Amino acid sequence: MSWWKTPKRSKFGKWLDSKGVTQIDFADKSNVSRRTVWKLYNEKDYIPSSSTLKKVMKTIRTIDKSKKTDDFFDI
């Protein structure tokens, strides 16, 4: 099977897919660059800076208030 048919996602990427939110929409809502959102979405070991993490988690909590940083990142 080809790599594009079985994409690997981070916990954040899988969650975003399950909510039906696109990377572009999330980037626009969170005021985080599309490239950074792409890294969050695809790279399992990527750890964002504290300011980026704050923006990301603020936006995540507008979708699901119960989510915590540990649900997405191994910090």
Protein backbone atom coordinates (compact mmCIF):
# COMPACT_ATOMS: atom_id res chain seq x y z
CA MET A 1 0.00 0.00 0.00
CA SER A 2 1.27 3.48 -0.83
CA TRP A 3 2.36 5.89 1.90
CA TRP A 4 -0.33 8.46 1.02
CA LYS A 5 -3.07 5.88 1.53
CA THR A 6 -1.97 5.09 5.10
CA PRO A 7 -0.85 8.40 6.52
CA LYS A 8 0.74 8.47 9.95
CA ARG A 9 -0.59 11.09 12.29
CA SER A 10 0.35 12.42 15.67
CA LYS A 11 -2.18 12.29 18.51
CA PHE A 12 -3.06 15.87 17.61
CA GLY A 13 -3.50 14.95 13.93
CA LYS A 14 -5.77 12.01 14.72
CA TRP A 15 -7.85 14.19 17.03
CA LEU A 16 -8.12 16.96 14.42
CA ASP A 17 -9.25 14.40 11.83
CA SER A 18 -11.87 13.01 14.22
CA LYS A 19 -13.30 16.49 14.75
CA GLY A 20 -13.38 17.26 11.02
CA VAL A 21 -11.17 20.33 11.40
CA THR A 22 -8.68 21.06 8.63
CA GLN A 23 -5.12 22.12 9.29
CA ILE A 24 -5.79 25.43 7.53
CA ASP A 25 -8.86 26.18 9.64
CA PHE A 26 -6.98 25.33 12.82
CA ALA A 27 -4.02 27.50 11.81
CA ASP A 28 -6.32 30.44 11.09
CA LYS A 29 -8.26 30.06 14.37
CA SER A 30 -5.17 29.59 16.54
CA ASN A 31 -3.00 32.22 14.86
CA VAL A 32 -0.25 29.62 14.45
CA SER A 33 1.56 29.24 11.12
CA ARG A 34 0.35 26.55 8.74
CA ARG A 35 3.82 25.01 8.74
CA THR A 36 3.74 24.64 12.53
CA VAL A 37 0.26 23.12 12.42
CA TRP A 38 1.53 20.70 9.76
CA LYS A 39 4.35 19.66 12.11
CA LEU A 40 1.92 19.24 15.00
CA TYR A 41 -0.35 17.18 12.75
CA ASN A 42 2.27 14.86 11.27
CA GLU A 43 5.35 14.68 13.51
CA LYS A 44 4.73 12.52 16.57
CA ASP A 45 7.81 13.78 18.43
CA TYR A 46 7.40 17.51 17.69
CA ILE A 47 7.17 19.67 20.81
CA PRO A 48 6.02 23.26 20.18
CA SER A 49 7.40 26.29 21.98
CA SER A 50 5.53 27.40 25.07
CA SER A 51 3.87 30.36 23.30
CA THR A 52 2.73 28.13 20.42
CA LEU A 53 1.53 25.48 22.86
CA LYS A 54 -0.54 28.08 24.69
CA LYS A 55 -2.24 29.19 21.43
CA VAL A 56 -2.84 25.61 20.32
CA MET A 57 -4.35 24.50 23.62
CA LYS A 58 -6.55 27.60 23.81
CA THR A 59 -7.96 26.73 20.38
CA ILE A 60 -8.32 23.04 21.22
CA ARG A 61 -10.34 23.93 24.30
CA THR A 62 -12.81 25.93 22.19
CA ILE A 63 -13.63 22.57 20.55
CA ASP A 64 -13.31 20.29 23.60
CA LYS A 65 -12.93 21.85 27.05
CA SER A 66 -11.79 18.59 28.64
CA LYS A 67 -8.58 18.23 26.61
CA LYS A 68 -5.21 18.65 28.32
CA THR A 69 -1.70 19.13 27.01
CA ASP A 70 -0.81 15.54 27.95
CA ASP A 71 -3.53 14.27 25.60
CA PHE A 72 -1.43 15.44 22.64
CA PHE A 73 2.16 16.03 23.69
CA ASP A 74 4.70 14.09 25.76
CA ILE A 75 6.10 16.98 27.74
